[in-house]
Amino acid sequence: MGMRRAALISLLFAAWTLFAQPPSRQDDVSAIYSVLMQGPAFQALGRRPGQCWGIVNRTINIDDMNPAIAPDAALKPPSYDPKPFEEALADYNAHKYQRQTITHIPHSASNPLLTLQEAADFRAGRTGVSAAGGSGSSANCGGITYFSDVYFSTHRNAALVYMLNWSGSLSSHGEWIYLEKQNKDWVQRSGQAAVTSGAKPF
């Protein structure tokens, strides 16, 4: 009886371990992009609720940014716990020249992934005389977003990411954003969107 009970407990623990795996790095990357795409940062760019907004499926690196600014030149670490910020900054310094492919973003029905060429066509249409704004899945989009890769702290409880939103030749905004994981959810801790959403940014 004791051996049978022990075997059952062992089986239940194995099943719990299987289904209670922590999110992978890619899960956290997708969750962070998703949080930022639902944030209030787009209101100033004129995005309507539910309006299509394209996401470029290739991340940008430090060489792609104009101006090329490092996260610690734009943000200060939070005074209450600077270590995760500093760890994320170290991750950035180790990988700032790399580019990644974005394959999935949750809740992306109104946020289609665009290739670099589709993004270039969209921008050309918006700045040209026709102002067609793109074709295919991006035809009705209000703008496009470029993301950097996400740079994490050692325990992946804090992150830095660069986000550039573009909706026209005179309507764009790029910024570094610092986020922290709170109760399994990613919360933006820097930038105007953090203030608007009720977070208490450092």
N, C-alpha and C. Protein backbone atom coordinates (compact mmCIF):
# COMPACT_ATOMS: atom_id res chain seq x y z
N MET A 1 0.83 -1.21 0.00
CA MET A 1 0.00 0.00 0.00
C MET A 1 0.86 1.25 0.00
N GLY A 2 1.93 1.20 0.85
CA GLY A 2 2.82 2.34 0.92
C GLY A 2 3.54 2.58 -0.39
N MET A 3 3.98 1.49 -1.04
CA MET A 3 4.69 1.62 -2.31
C MET A 3 3.75 2.14 -3.40
N ARG A 4 2.51 1.66 -3.37
CA ARG A 4 1.54 2.13 -4.36
C ARG A 4 1.25 3.62 -4.19
N ARG A 5 1.14 4.04 -2.92
CA ARG A 5 0.88 5.46 -2.65
C ARG A 5 2.07 6.31 -3.09
N ALA A 6 3.27 5.81 -2.80
CA ALA A 6 4.47 6.54 -3.19
C ALA A 6 4.56 6.67 -4.71
N ALA A 7 4.19 5.59 -5.41
CA ALA A 7 4.22 5.62 -6.88
C ALA A 7 3.21 6.62 -7.41
N LEU A 8 2.02 6.67 -6.76
CA LEU A 8 0.98 7.61 -7.20
C LEU A 8 1.44 9.05 -6.98
N ILE A 9 2.04 9.31 -5.83
CA ILE A 9 2.54 10.66 -5.53
C ILE A 9 3.62 11.05 -6.54
N SER A 10 4.50 10.09 -6.85
CA SER A 10 5.56 10.36 -7.82
C SER A 10 4.99 10.66 -9.20
N LEU A 11 3.95 9.94 -9.59
CA LEU A 11 3.30 10.16 -10.88
C LEU A 11 2.62 11.53 -10.92
N LEU A 12 1.93 11.89 -9.83
CA LEU A 12 1.27 13.19 -9.77
C LEU A 12 2.29 14.33 -9.81
N PHE A 13 3.41 14.13 -9.12
CA PHE A 13 4.45 15.18 -9.13
C PHE A 13 5.03 15.34 -10.53
N ALA A 14 5.24 14.23 -11.22
CA ALA A 14 5.77 14.29 -12.58
C ALA A 14 4.80 15.02 -13.50
N ALA A 15 3.50 14.73 -13.35
CA ALA A 15 2.49 15.41 -14.17
C ALA A 15 2.44 16.89 -13.85
N TRP A 16 2.52 17.23 -12.57
CA TRP A 16 2.51 18.65 -12.18
C TRP A 16 3.72 19.37 -12.76
N THR A 17 4.88 18.72 -12.69
CA THR A 17 6.10 19.31 -13.24
C THR A 17 5.96 19.56 -14.73
N LEU A 18 5.33 18.60 -15.42
CA LEU A 18 5.16 18.71 -16.87
C LEU A 18 4.29 19.90 -17.24
N PHE A 19 3.19 20.10 -16.50
CA PHE A 19 2.22 21.13 -16.86
C PHE A 19 2.50 22.47 -16.15
N ALA A 20 3.44 22.48 -15.22
CA ALA A 20 3.73 23.71 -14.49
C ALA A 20 5.07 24.31 -14.89
N GLN A 21 5.53 23.99 -16.10
CA GLN A 21 6.78 24.53 -16.58
C GLN A 21 6.70 26.06 -16.66
N PRO A 22 7.74 26.75 -16.25
CA PRO A 22 7.73 28.21 -16.39
C PRO A 22 7.74 28.60 -17.86
N PRO A 23 7.27 29.79 -18.16
CA PRO A 23 7.25 30.21 -19.55
C PRO A 23 8.66 30.24 -20.13
N SER A 24 8.78 29.91 -21.40
CA SER A 24 10.08 29.95 -22.06
C SER A 24 10.45 31.40 -22.34
N ARG A 25 11.69 31.62 -22.76
CA ARG A 25 12.11 32.96 -23.13
C ARG A 25 11.22 33.51 -24.24
N GLN A 26 10.92 32.66 -25.22
CA GLN A 26 10.09 33.12 -26.33
C GLN A 26 8.68 33.48 -25.86
N ASP A 27 8.16 32.74 -24.89
CA ASP A 27 6.85 33.07 -24.32
C ASP A 27 6.87 34.47 -23.70
N ASP A 28 7.95 34.77 -22.97
CA ASP A 28 8.06 36.08 -22.35
C ASP A 28 8.23 37.18 -23.39
N VAL A 29 9.01 36.91 -24.43
CA VAL A 29 9.19 37.90 -25.50
C VAL A 29 7.84 38.22 -26.14
N SER A 30 7.08 37.18 -26.49
CA SER A 30 5.77 37.39 -27.11
C SER A 30 4.82 38.12 -26.18
N ALA A 31 4.86 37.78 -24.89
CA ALA A 31 3.98 38.44 -23.92
C ALA A 31 4.32 39.92 -23.79
N ILE A 32 5.60 40.25 -23.80
CA ILE A 32 6.02 41.65 -23.69
C ILE A 32 5.58 42.43 -24.92
N TYR A 33 5.81 41.89 -26.11
CA TYR A 33 5.35 42.58 -27.33
C TYR A 33 3.84 42.78 -27.29
N SER A 34 3.12 41.77 -26.83
CA SER A 34 1.67 41.85 -26.78
C SER A 34 1.20 42.94 -25.82
N VAL A 35 1.82 43.01 -24.64
CA VAL A 35 1.47 44.04 -23.67
C VAL A 35 1.69 45.43 -24.27
N LEU A 36 2.81 45.62 -24.93
CA LEU A 36 3.12 46.94 -25.49
C LEU A 36 2.18 47.30 -26.64
N MET A 37 1.76 46.30 -27.42
CA MET A 37 0.85 46.59 -28.53
C MET A 37 -0.55 46.94 -28.05
N GLN A 38 -0.88 46.60 -26.81
CA GLN A 38 -2.19 46.94 -26.26
C GLN A 38 -2.16 48.19 -25.38
N GLY A 39 -0.99 48.79 -25.26
CA GLY A 39 -0.83 49.93 -24.38
C GLY A 39 -1.36 51.21 -24.97
N PRO A 40 -1.43 52.26 -24.15
CA PRO A 40 -1.99 53.54 -24.59
C PRO A 40 -1.02 54.39 -25.40
N ALA A 41 0.19 53.88 -25.68
CA ALA A 41 1.17 54.68 -26.40
C ALA A 41 0.69 55.05 -27.80
N PHE A 42 -0.24 54.31 -28.35
CA PHE A 42 -0.69 54.54 -29.73
C PHE A 42 -1.72 55.66 -29.84
N GLN A 43 -2.30 56.06 -28.72
CA GLN A 43 -3.35 57.08 -28.79
C GLN A 43 -2.84 58.38 -29.40
N ALA A 44 -1.61 58.76 -29.06
CA ALA A 44 -1.05 60.00 -29.59
C ALA A 44 -0.81 59.91 -31.09
N LEU A 45 -0.71 58.68 -31.61
CA LEU A 45 -0.50 58.49 -33.04
C LEU A 45 -1.82 58.35 -33.78
N GLY A 46 -2.93 58.46 -33.07
CA GLY A 46 -4.24 58.42 -33.71
C GLY A 46 -4.79 57.05 -33.98
N ARG A 47 -4.26 56.02 -33.31
CA ARG A 47 -4.79 54.67 -33.53
C ARG A 47 -6.15 54.52 -32.88
N ARG A 48 -7.11 54.03 -33.64
CA ARG A 48 -8.45 53.79 -33.11
C ARG A 48 -8.51 52.42 -32.44
N PRO A 49 -9.40 52.22 -31.48
CA PRO A 49 -9.53 50.91 -30.82
C PRO A 49 -9.78 49.81 -31.85
N GLY A 50 -8.97 48.76 -31.80
CA GLY A 50 -9.14 47.64 -32.70
C GLY A 50 -8.58 47.84 -34.09
N GLN A 51 -8.03 49.02 -34.37
CA GLN A 51 -7.51 49.29 -35.71
C GLN A 51 -6.28 48.45 -36.00
N CYS A 52 -6.18 47.96 -37.22
CA CYS A 52 -5.02 47.21 -37.66
C CYS A 52 -3.74 48.03 -37.47
N TRP A 53 -2.70 47.36 -36.97
CA TRP A 53 -1.40 48.01 -36.81
C TRP A 53 -0.33 46.95 -37.06
N GLY A 54 0.47 47.13 -38.08
CA GLY A 54 1.44 46.11 -38.46
C GLY A 54 2.65 46.06 -37.54
N ILE A 55 3.24 44.88 -37.43
CA ILE A 55 4.46 44.66 -36.66
C ILE A 55 5.50 44.06 -37.59
N VAL A 56 6.65 44.70 -37.69
CA VAL A 56 7.71 44.19 -38.56
C VAL A 56 8.28 42.92 -37.95
N ASN A 57 8.41 41.87 -38.76
CA ASN A 57 8.77 40.56 -38.22
C ASN A 57 10.27 40.34 -38.05
N ARG A 58 11.04 41.40 -38.14
CA ARG A 58 12.48 41.33 -37.92
C ARG A 58 12.86 42.41 -36.92
N THR A 59 13.53 42.01 -35.84
CA THR A 59 13.87 43.00 -34.82
C THR A 59 14.97 43.94 -35.34
N ILE A 60 15.00 45.13 -34.75
CA ILE A 60 16.05 46.07 -35.08
C ILE A 60 17.14 46.02 -34.02
N ASN A 61 18.35 46.37 -34.41
CA ASN A 61 19.45 46.41 -33.44
C ASN A 61 19.93 47.85 -33.28
N ILE A 62 21.00 48.03 -32.54
CA ILE A 62 21.48 49.38 -32.25
C ILE A 62 21.85 50.14 -33.52
N ASP A 63 22.34 49.43 -34.54
CA ASP A 63 22.72 50.09 -35.79
C ASP A 63 21.50 50.61 -36.55
N ASP A 64 20.32 50.02 -36.30
CA ASP A 64 19.11 50.42 -37.02
C ASP A 64 18.43 51.63 -36.39
N MET A 65 18.79 51.95 -35.16
CA MET A 65 18.11 53.02 -34.43
C MET A 65 18.66 54.38 -34.84
N ASN A 66 17.78 55.34 -34.97
CA ASN A 66 18.19 56.69 -35.34
C ASN A 66 17.42 57.71 -34.49
N PRO A 67 18.04 58.27 -33.46
CA PRO A 67 19.46 58.12 -33.11
C PRO A 67 19.73 56.79 -32.41
N ALA A 68 20.98 56.34 -32.53
CA ALA A 68 21.40 55.10 -31.88
C ALA A 68 21.68 55.40 -30.42
N ILE A 69 20.75 55.04 -29.57
CA ILE A 69 20.87 55.39 -28.15
C ILE A 69 20.74 54.12 -27.31
N ALA A 70 21.63 53.98 -26.34
CA ALA A 70 21.61 52.81 -25.46
C ALA A 70 20.55 53.00 -24.38
N PRO A 71 20.03 51.92 -23.81
CA PRO A 71 18.98 52.04 -22.80
C PRO A 71 19.38 52.87 -21.59
N ASP A 72 20.64 52.75 -21.15
CA ASP A 72 21.04 53.49 -19.96
C ASP A 72 21.30 54.97 -20.25
N ALA A 73 21.27 55.35 -21.53
CA ALA A 73 21.33 56.77 -21.88
C ALA A 73 19.93 57.38 -21.85
N ALA A 74 18.91 56.54 -21.92
CA ALA A 74 17.52 57.01 -21.93
C ALA A 74 16.82 56.78 -20.60
N LEU A 75 17.23 55.76 -19.86
CA LEU A 75 16.54 55.39 -18.62
C LEU A 75 17.54 55.26 -17.48
N LYS A 76 17.06 55.49 -16.28
CA LYS A 76 17.84 55.23 -15.09
C LYS A 76 17.29 54.00 -14.40
N PRO A 77 18.15 53.20 -13.77
CA PRO A 77 17.63 52.04 -13.05
C PRO A 77 16.75 52.47 -11.89
N PRO A 78 15.74 51.69 -11.55
CA PRO A 78 14.86 52.06 -10.42
C PRO A 78 15.64 52.06 -9.12
N SER A 79 15.38 53.04 -8.30
CA SER A 79 16.12 53.17 -7.04
C SER A 79 15.79 52.05 -6.06
N TYR A 80 14.58 51.47 -6.17
CA TYR A 80 14.18 50.45 -5.20
C TYR A 80 14.86 49.12 -5.46
N ASP A 81 15.32 48.86 -6.69
CA ASP A 81 16.00 47.59 -6.99
C ASP A 81 16.69 47.72 -8.35
N PRO A 82 17.90 48.29 -8.39
CA PRO A 82 18.55 48.53 -9.67
C PRO A 82 19.15 47.28 -10.32
N LYS A 83 19.34 46.21 -9.56
CA LYS A 83 20.07 45.06 -10.09
C LYS A 83 19.42 44.43 -11.33
N PRO A 84 18.10 44.16 -11.34
CA PRO A 84 17.51 43.57 -12.55
C PRO A 84 17.69 44.45 -13.79
N PHE A 85 17.57 45.75 -13.61
CA PHE A 85 17.81 46.68 -14.73
C PHE A 85 19.24 46.53 -15.24
N GLU A 86 20.19 46.50 -14.32
CA GLU A 86 21.60 46.39 -14.71
C GLU A 86 21.88 45.05 -15.39
N GLU A 87 21.20 44.00 -14.95
CA GLU A 87 21.37 42.69 -15.60
C GLU A 87 20.79 42.71 -17.02
N ALA A 88 19.63 43.34 -17.18
CA ALA A 88 19.04 43.47 -18.52
C ALA A 88 19.93 44.32 -19.42
N LEU A 89 20.54 45.34 -18.85
CA LEU A 89 21.47 46.18 -19.61
C LEU A 89 22.68 45.36 -20.06
N ALA A 90 23.17 44.49 -19.21
CA ALA A 90 24.30 43.62 -19.58
C ALA A 90 23.90 42.69 -20.71
N ASP A 91 22.66 42.19 -20.69
CA ASP A 91 22.16 41.34 -21.76
C ASP A 91 22.11 42.12 -23.08
N TYR A 92 21.66 43.37 -22.99
CA TYR A 92 21.66 44.24 -24.17
C TYR A 92 23.07 44.42 -24.72
N ASN A 93 24.02 44.73 -23.86
CA ASN A 93 25.40 44.96 -24.32
C ASN A 93 26.01 43.72 -24.96
N ALA A 94 25.56 42.55 -24.52
CA ALA A 94 26.08 41.31 -25.09
C ALA A 94 25.44 40.95 -26.43
N HIS A 95 24.24 41.48 -26.69
CA HIS A 95 23.49 41.05 -27.88
C HIS A 95 22.97 42.21 -28.73
N LYS A 96 23.47 43.42 -28.53
CA LYS A 96 22.88 44.60 -29.17
C LYS A 96 23.03 44.64 -30.68
N TYR A 97 23.91 43.81 -31.25
CA TYR A 97 24.07 43.80 -32.70
C TYR A 97 23.30 42.68 -33.37
N GLN A 98 22.64 41.85 -32.58
CA GLN A 98 21.89 40.73 -33.14
C GLN A 98 20.50 41.16 -33.59
N ARG A 99 19.98 40.45 -34.56
CA ARG A 99 18.59 40.64 -35.00
C ARG A 99 17.89 39.29 -34.93
N GLN A 100 16.61 39.32 -34.59
CA GLN A 100 15.83 38.10 -34.46
C GLN A 100 14.58 38.18 -35.34
N THR A 101 14.03 37.02 -35.64
CA THR A 101 12.76 36.96 -36.37
C THR A 101 11.61 36.82 -35.39
N ILE A 102 10.61 37.66 -35.54
CA ILE A 102 9.40 37.58 -34.70
C ILE A 102 8.41 36.66 -35.42
N THR A 103 8.02 35.59 -34.76
CA THR A 103 7.14 34.61 -35.40
C THR A 103 5.72 34.61 -34.86
N HIS A 104 5.55 35.14 -33.64
CA HIS A 104 4.22 35.04 -33.03
C HIS A 104 4.05 36.12 -31.98
N ILE A 105 2.89 36.74 -32.01
CA ILE A 105 2.51 37.69 -30.96
C ILE A 105 1.08 37.39 -30.57
N PRO A 106 0.80 37.10 -29.29
CA PRO A 106 -0.58 36.83 -28.88
C PRO A 106 -1.50 38.00 -29.22
N HIS A 107 -2.75 37.70 -29.46
CA HIS A 107 -3.77 38.71 -29.77
C HIS A 107 -3.37 39.52 -31.00
N SER A 108 -2.82 38.84 -32.02
CA SER A 108 -2.27 39.57 -33.15
C SER A 108 -3.25 39.68 -34.33
N ALA A 109 -4.54 39.42 -34.10
CA ALA A 109 -5.50 39.48 -35.20
C ALA A 109 -5.50 40.84 -35.88
N SER A 110 -5.37 41.90 -35.08
CA SER A 110 -5.35 43.24 -35.66
C SER A 110 -3.94 43.78 -35.79
N ASN A 111 -2.94 42.91 -35.53
CA ASN A 111 -1.55 43.31 -35.62
C ASN A 111 -0.79 42.33 -36.51
N PRO A 112 -0.98 42.40 -37.83
CA PRO A 112 -0.33 41.43 -38.72
C PRO A 112 1.19 41.61 -38.73
N LEU A 113 1.90 40.49 -38.85
CA LEU A 113 3.34 40.53 -38.98
C LEU A 113 3.70 40.86 -40.43
N LEU A 114 4.59 41.82 -40.61
CA LEU A 114 4.98 42.27 -41.94
C LEU A 114 6.46 41.97 -42.17
N THR A 115 6.80 41.59 -43.40
CA THR A 115 8.20 41.43 -43.75
C THR A 115 8.83 42.82 -43.88
N LEU A 116 10.14 42.86 -43.96
CA LEU A 116 10.83 44.14 -44.14
C LEU A 116 10.37 44.82 -45.43
N GLN A 117 10.15 44.03 -46.49
CA GLN A 117 9.72 44.61 -47.75
C GLN A 117 8.30 45.16 -47.64
N GLU A 118 7.42 44.42 -46.97
CA GLU A 118 6.05 44.92 -46.79
C GLU A 118 6.04 46.20 -45.96
N ALA A 119 6.90 46.26 -44.95
CA ALA A 119 6.99 47.48 -44.14
C ALA A 119 7.51 48.64 -44.99
N ALA A 120 8.51 48.37 -45.84
CA ALA A 120 9.05 49.42 -46.71
C ALA A 120 7.99 49.91 -47.68
N ASP A 121 7.20 48.98 -48.23
CA ASP A 121 6.12 49.36 -49.15
C ASP A 121 5.07 50.20 -48.44
N PHE A 122 4.76 49.80 -47.21
CA PHE A 122 3.77 50.55 -46.43
C PHE A 122 4.24 51.99 -46.21
N ARG A 123 5.50 52.13 -45.81
CA ARG A 123 6.03 53.47 -45.54
C ARG A 123 6.10 54.30 -46.82
N ALA A 124 6.47 53.66 -47.92
CA ALA A 124 6.52 54.38 -49.19
C ALA A 124 5.14 54.86 -49.59
N GLY A 125 4.13 54.02 -49.36
CA GLY A 125 2.76 54.41 -49.68
C GLY A 125 2.26 55.55 -48.83
N ARG A 126 2.69 55.58 -47.57
CA ARG A 126 2.24 56.64 -46.67
C ARG A 126 2.95 57.97 -46.91
N THR A 127 4.16 57.91 -47.46
CA THR A 127 4.90 59.15 -47.68
C THR A 127 4.83 59.60 -49.13
N GLY A 128 4.26 58.75 -50.01
CA GLY A 128 4.15 59.11 -51.43
C GLY A 128 2.91 59.93 -51.71
N VAL A 129 2.78 60.34 -52.94
CA VAL A 129 1.64 61.18 -53.36
C VAL A 129 0.33 60.41 -53.23
N SER A 130 0.37 59.11 -53.53
CA SER A 130 -0.88 58.33 -53.51
C SER A 130 -1.36 58.07 -52.10
N ALA A 131 -0.42 58.01 -51.14
CA ALA A 131 -0.76 57.72 -49.74
C ALA A 131 -1.62 56.48 -49.61
N ALA A 132 -1.27 55.46 -50.41
CA ALA A 132 -2.06 54.24 -50.41
C ALA A 132 -1.95 53.49 -49.09
N GLY A 133 -0.78 53.57 -48.47
CA GLY A 133 -0.63 52.98 -47.14
C GLY A 133 -0.32 51.51 -47.12
N GLY A 134 -0.01 50.88 -48.24
CA GLY A 134 0.35 49.48 -48.23
C GLY A 134 -0.68 48.64 -48.95
N SER A 135 -0.44 47.35 -48.94
CA SER A 135 -1.36 46.44 -49.62
C SER A 135 -1.48 45.17 -48.81
N GLY A 136 -2.39 44.30 -49.21
CA GLY A 136 -2.55 43.04 -48.52
C GLY A 136 -3.01 43.24 -47.09
N SER A 137 -2.35 42.50 -46.15
CA SER A 137 -2.78 42.53 -44.76
C SER A 137 -2.57 43.88 -44.09
N SER A 138 -1.74 44.74 -44.69
CA SER A 138 -1.46 46.03 -44.05
C SER A 138 -2.22 47.19 -44.67
N ALA A 139 -3.09 46.91 -45.67
CA ALA A 139 -3.74 47.98 -46.43
C ALA A 139 -4.51 48.95 -45.53
N ASN A 140 -5.17 48.43 -44.51
CA ASN A 140 -5.99 49.29 -43.66
C ASN A 140 -5.34 49.63 -42.33
N CYS A 141 -4.06 49.33 -42.20
CA CYS A 141 -3.37 49.56 -40.94
C CYS A 141 -3.11 51.05 -40.71
N GLY A 142 -3.17 51.44 -39.45
CA GLY A 142 -2.90 52.83 -39.10
C GLY A 142 -1.42 53.14 -39.04
N GLY A 143 -0.58 52.13 -38.88
CA GLY A 143 0.85 52.34 -38.80
C GLY A 143 1.56 51.02 -38.59
N ILE A 144 2.85 51.11 -38.31
CA ILE A 144 3.64 49.90 -38.09
C ILE A 144 4.55 50.12 -36.88
N THR A 145 4.93 49.00 -36.26
CA THR A 145 5.81 49.03 -35.10
C THR A 145 7.04 48.19 -35.36
N TYR A 146 8.18 48.74 -35.00
CA TYR A 146 9.45 48.01 -35.02
C TYR A 146 9.85 47.76 -33.57
N PHE A 147 10.24 46.52 -33.27
CA PHE A 147 10.74 46.18 -31.94
C PHE A 147 12.21 45.78 -32.03
N SER A 148 12.94 46.06 -30.97
CA SER A 148 14.24 45.40 -30.79
C SER A 148 13.98 44.03 -30.20
N ASP A 149 15.03 43.24 -30.06
CA ASP A 149 14.91 42.03 -29.27
C ASP A 149 14.63 42.45 -27.83
N VAL A 150 14.23 41.51 -27.00
CA VAL A 150 14.00 41.80 -25.59
C VAL A 150 15.23 41.36 -24.81
N TYR A 151 15.70 42.23 -23.93
CA TYR A 151 16.90 41.95 -23.14
C TYR A 151 16.49 41.76 -21.69
N PHE A 152 16.84 40.59 -21.14
CA PHE A 152 16.30 40.17 -19.85
C PHE A 152 17.34 40.23 -18.72
N SER A 153 16.80 40.35 -17.52
CA SER A 153 17.61 40.15 -16.31
C SER A 153 17.89 38.66 -16.16
N THR A 154 18.79 38.33 -15.24
CA THR A 154 19.22 36.94 -15.08
C THR A 154 18.05 36.00 -14.81
N HIS A 155 17.13 36.40 -13.96
CA HIS A 155 16.00 35.54 -13.60
C HIS A 155 14.76 35.82 -14.47
N ARG A 156 14.93 36.61 -15.50
CA ARG A 156 13.87 36.96 -16.45
C ARG A 156 12.64 37.53 -15.74
N ASN A 157 12.92 38.40 -14.75
CA ASN A 157 11.83 39.10 -14.07
C ASN A 157 11.84 40.59 -14.38
N ALA A 158 12.74 41.01 -15.27
CA ALA A 158 12.80 42.39 -15.74
C ALA A 158 13.33 42.37 -17.17
N ALA A 159 12.98 43.41 -17.92
CA ALA A 159 13.35 43.40 -19.33
C ALA A 159 13.46 44.82 -19.88
N LEU A 160 14.30 44.97 -20.89
CA LEU A 160 14.44 46.20 -21.65
C LEU A 160 14.11 45.89 -23.11
N VAL A 161 13.39 46.80 -23.75
CA VAL A 161 13.06 46.63 -25.17
C VAL A 161 12.91 48.00 -25.81
N TYR A 162 13.33 48.11 -27.06
CA TYR A 162 13.14 49.36 -27.81
C TYR A 162 11.94 49.19 -28.72
N MET A 163 11.10 50.22 -28.78
CA MET A 163 9.87 50.17 -29.57
C MET A 163 9.78 51.45 -30.40
N LEU A 164 9.63 51.28 -31.71
CA LEU A 164 9.45 52.43 -32.60
C LEU A 164 8.10 52.29 -33.30
N ASN A 165 7.22 53.26 -33.06
CA ASN A 165 5.90 53.28 -33.70
C ASN A 165 5.91 54.33 -34.81
N TRP A 166 5.43 53.94 -35.98
CA TRP A 166 5.46 54.82 -37.15
C TRP A 166 4.09 54.83 -37.81
N SER A 167 3.55 56.03 -38.02
CA SER A 167 2.25 56.12 -38.70
C SER A 167 2.27 57.13 -39.84
N GLY A 168 3.41 57.70 -40.12
CA GLY A 168 3.52 58.66 -41.21
C GLY A 168 4.84 59.37 -41.13
N SER A 169 5.18 60.11 -42.16
CA SER A 169 6.50 60.74 -42.21
C SER A 169 6.74 61.70 -41.06
N LEU A 170 5.68 62.26 -40.48
CA LEU A 170 5.83 63.19 -39.37
C LEU A 170 5.29 62.63 -38.07
N SER A 171 4.91 61.36 -38.06
CA SER A 171 4.29 60.77 -36.87
C SER A 171 5.01 59.48 -36.51
N SER A 172 6.03 59.60 -35.70
CA SER A 172 6.74 58.42 -35.23
C SER A 172 7.30 58.69 -33.85
N HIS A 173 7.49 57.63 -33.10
CA HIS A 173 8.02 57.77 -31.75
C HIS A 173 8.76 56.51 -31.37
N GLY A 174 10.03 56.68 -30.98
CA GLY A 174 10.82 55.54 -30.53
C GLY A 174 11.29 55.75 -29.11
N GLU A 175 11.30 54.68 -28.32
CA GLU A 175 11.75 54.80 -26.94
C GLU A 175 12.17 53.45 -26.38
N TRP A 176 13.09 53.51 -25.42
CA TRP A 176 13.42 52.34 -24.62
C TRP A 176 12.40 52.21 -23.51
N ILE A 177 12.02 50.97 -23.22
CA ILE A 177 11.00 50.69 -22.21
C ILE A 177 11.54 49.65 -21.24
N TYR A 178 11.30 49.87 -19.98
CA TYR A 178 11.68 48.93 -18.93
C TYR A 178 10.41 48.30 -18.37
N LEU A 179 10.41 46.97 -18.25
CA LEU A 179 9.25 46.24 -17.73
C LEU A 179 9.69 45.31 -16.61
N GLU A 180 8.75 45.01 -15.74
CA GLU A 180 8.98 44.05 -14.67
C GLU A 180 7.85 43.04 -14.66
N LYS A 181 8.17 41.82 -14.27
CA LYS A 181 7.15 40.78 -14.17
C LYS A 181 6.57 40.80 -12.77
N GLN A 182 5.26 40.97 -12.69
CA GLN A 182 4.56 41.02 -11.41
C GLN A 182 3.39 40.05 -11.45
N ASN A 183 3.42 39.05 -10.56
CA ASN A 183 2.36 38.03 -10.53
C ASN A 183 2.16 37.40 -11.90
N LYS A 184 3.26 37.05 -12.55
CA LYS A 184 3.29 36.37 -13.85
C LYS A 184 2.92 37.26 -15.03
N ASP A 185 2.62 38.53 -14.77
CA ASP A 185 2.27 39.46 -15.85
C ASP A 185 3.36 40.51 -16.00
N TRP A 186 3.59 40.90 -17.25
CA TRP A 186 4.57 41.94 -17.53
C TRP A 186 3.93 43.31 -17.41
N VAL A 187 4.59 44.20 -16.67
CA VAL A 187 4.07 45.55 -16.42
C VAL A 187 5.10 46.57 -16.88
N GLN A 188 4.66 47.52 -17.68
CA GLN A 188 5.55 48.57 -18.14
C GLN A 188 5.85 49.53 -16.99
N ARG A 189 7.15 49.78 -16.76
CA ARG A 189 7.55 50.60 -15.62
C ARG A 189 8.17 51.93 -16.02
N SER A 190 8.32 52.18 -17.29
CA SER A 190 8.89 53.44 -17.73
C SER A 190 8.09 53.99 -18.89
N GLY A 191 8.22 55.27 -19.14
CA GLY A 191 7.55 55.89 -20.28
C GLY A 191 6.17 56.43 -19.94
N GLN A 192 5.65 57.23 -20.83
CA GLN A 192 4.34 57.85 -20.64
C GLN A 192 3.24 56.81 -20.52
N ALA A 193 3.38 55.72 -21.28
CA ALA A 193 2.34 54.69 -21.22
C ALA A 193 2.23 54.08 -19.83
N ALA A 194 3.35 54.01 -19.11
CA ALA A 194 3.30 53.48 -17.75
C ALA A 194 2.49 54.40 -16.85
N VAL A 195 2.66 55.69 -17.02
CA VAL A 195 1.91 56.65 -16.24
C VAL A 195 0.43 56.56 -16.57
N THR A 196 0.13 56.51 -17.87
CA THR A 196 -1.26 56.47 -18.32
C THR A 196 -1.97 55.22 -17.84
N SER A 197 -1.25 54.10 -17.80
CA SER A 197 -1.89 52.85 -17.44
C SER A 197 -2.00 52.65 -15.94
N GLY A 198 -1.48 53.59 -15.15
CA GLY A 198 -1.63 53.49 -13.71
C GLY A 198 -0.47 52.86 -13.00
N ALA A 199 0.58 52.43 -13.73
CA ALA A 199 1.76 51.90 -13.06
C ALA A 199 2.48 53.02 -12.34
N LYS A 200 3.40 52.66 -11.46
CA LYS A 200 4.15 53.67 -10.72
C LYS A 200 5.60 53.63 -11.20
N PRO A 201 5.87 54.30 -12.32
CA PRO A 201 7.22 54.22 -12.87
C PRO A 201 8.24 54.88 -11.97
N PHE A 202 9.45 54.37 -11.99
CA PHE A 202 10.51 54.94 -11.17
C PHE A 202 10.94 56.28 -11.74
